Structure formats: structure tokens, C-alpha cells
């Protein structure tokens, strides 16, 4: 598996901001989102999303954000030939 790169850019008790970078055919590997999150694409690209219910694709356009609820379980794969990247902002619970 060609692993996508994940770099935490900011984290506190309320949010975690991670930049995810994908070479062609790179993937995140199976994971579960424990928090609601927003994805903000930095590049154009096509993601192949493999989840328990099947597969789908998502077209990324720079700056066109989308939101997902906690509990999502999937593997995300760069389905294109070009590098792609996005920023993921998780709305982390805190004890404040």
C-alpha cells in the first residue's frame, strides 16, 4: 500500500487540523472518524472512497469544503494520476 502522508498542522482541545497529501494511488488505510469534521481541498482530484456500504468517488475542487459526521469508517484513495491534498478539520470534543 502506498500510504498517504498526514501532518498535524494545529491541535488544541477544540479542533485538530491535519493536512493529508496523496501521491497517485496513495491511500489512508482503513480508519474511523471519532469526531465531526470538515474537509477543505487544496488541489483538484478524484478520491475513491471504500466503506462498508460499498465504493464511491468524490471530485475535489480547491476551496470547496464539505462536512461529515463522526463515525465514518473508510479507506480513502487517490484515484487520479496527479498529486492531491486536502486539509481536514476535526471538531474535537473537550472537557472545558
Protein backbone atom coordinates (compact mmCIF):
# COMPACT_ATOMS: atom_id res chain seq x y z
CA UNK A 1 0.00 0.00 0.00
CA UNK A 2 1.26 3.45 -0.94
CA UNK A 3 0.44 5.40 2.24
CA UNK A 4 -0.90 8.97 2.15
CA UNK A 5 1.01 11.46 4.30
CA UNK A 6 -0.76 13.08 7.26
CA UNK A 7 0.76 16.11 9.00
CA UNK A 8 -0.93 17.68 12.04
CA UNK A 9 -0.81 21.45 11.47
CA UNK A 10 -2.67 22.59 14.62
CA UNK A 11 -4.30 20.98 17.63
CA UNK A 12 -5.91 22.17 20.84
CA UNK A 13 -8.83 21.00 22.97
CA UNK A 14 -11.39 22.09 20.38
CA UNK A 15 -10.01 21.33 16.90
CA UNK A 16 -7.36 19.25 15.14
CA UNK A 17 -6.17 20.40 11.71
CA UNK A 18 -4.43 17.77 9.57
CA UNK A 19 -3.04 18.19 6.07
CA UNK A 20 -3.38 14.99 4.04
CA UNK A 21 -1.17 14.57 0.98
CA UNK A 22 -1.63 11.81 -1.60
CA UNK A 23 0.68 10.70 -4.36
CA UNK A 24 -1.05 8.90 -7.26
CA UNK A 25 -2.78 5.76 -5.87
CA UNK A 26 -1.82 6.57 -2.25
CA UNK A 27 -4.39 5.72 0.41
CA UNK A 28 -5.13 6.45 4.05
CA UNK A 29 -5.81 2.86 5.05
CA UNK A 30 -8.97 1.92 6.95
CA UNK A 31 -9.80 4.37 9.72
CA UNK A 32 -12.74 5.68 11.75
CA UNK A 33 -13.54 9.33 12.38
CA UNK A 34 -14.30 9.83 16.06
CA UNK A 35 -15.30 13.49 15.57
CA UNK A 36 -17.37 15.54 13.14
CA UNK A 37 -15.05 17.01 10.51
CA UNK A 38 -14.72 19.39 7.59
CA UNK A 39 -12.53 18.72 4.54
CA UNK A 40 -11.09 21.64 2.55
CA UNK A 41 -9.43 20.52 -0.71
CA UNK A 42 -6.16 22.23 -1.66
CA UNK A 43 -5.97 20.69 -5.15
CA UNK A 44 -8.18 19.24 -7.83
CA UNK A 45 -8.51 15.48 -7.70
CA UNK A 46 -10.68 12.39 -7.54
CA UNK A 47 -10.96 10.31 -4.37
CA UNK A 48 -12.11 6.71 -4.33
CA UNK A 49 -13.83 6.04 -1.02
CA UNK A 50 -14.18 2.45 0.15
CA UNK A 51 -16.63 1.97 3.03
CA UNK A 52 -18.62 -0.90 4.49
CA UNK A 53 -21.60 0.01 2.29
CA UNK A 54 -19.52 -0.04 -0.91
CA UNK A 55 -17.41 2.30 -3.00
CA UNK A 56 -17.95 5.82 -4.27
CA UNK A 57 -15.91 8.63 -5.78
CA UNK A 58 -15.68 12.29 -4.83
CA UNK A 59 -14.37 15.10 -7.00
CA UNK A 60 -12.21 17.62 -5.15
CA UNK A 61 -12.05 21.28 -6.14
CA UNK A 62 -9.75 23.70 -4.28
CA UNK A 63 -11.60 25.57 -1.53
CA UNK A 64 -14.89 23.67 -1.98
CA UNK A 65 -15.33 22.30 1.55
CA UNK A 66 -17.61 19.53 2.77
CA UNK A 67 -18.74 18.24 6.20
CA UNK A 68 -19.09 14.72 7.61
CA UNK A 69 -20.45 13.45 10.92
CA UNK A 70 -18.44 11.35 13.38
CA UNK A 71 -18.50 7.59 12.93
CA UNK A 72 -17.45 7.43 9.28
CA UNK A 73 -15.30 4.35 8.60
CA UNK A 74 -13.48 4.15 5.30
CA UNK A 75 -10.31 3.97 3.25
CA UNK A 76 -9.64 6.99 1.03
CA UNK A 77 -7.58 6.54 -2.15
CA UNK A 78 -6.25 8.99 -4.73
CA UNK A 79 -7.99 7.69 -7.85
CA UNK A 80 -6.18 10.09 -10.16
CA UNK A 81 -2.75 10.29 -11.76
CA UNK A 82 -1.75 13.57 -10.06
CA UNK A 83 -0.78 14.55 -6.52
CA UNK A 84 -3.71 15.77 -4.38
CA UNK A 85 -4.04 17.31 -0.94
CA UNK A 86 -6.69 18.49 1.48
CA UNK A 87 -6.97 19.91 4.98
CA UNK A 88 -9.15 18.04 7.46
CA UNK A 89 -10.53 19.99 10.44
CA UNK A 90 -11.84 17.74 13.19
CA UNK A 91 -14.21 19.26 15.75
CA UNK A 92 -12.63 17.60 18.79
CA UNK A 93 -14.62 17.28 21.98
CA UNK A 94 -13.09 18.94 25.00
CA UNK A 95 -13.63 18.95 28.75
CA UNK A 96 -13.97 22.73 29.10
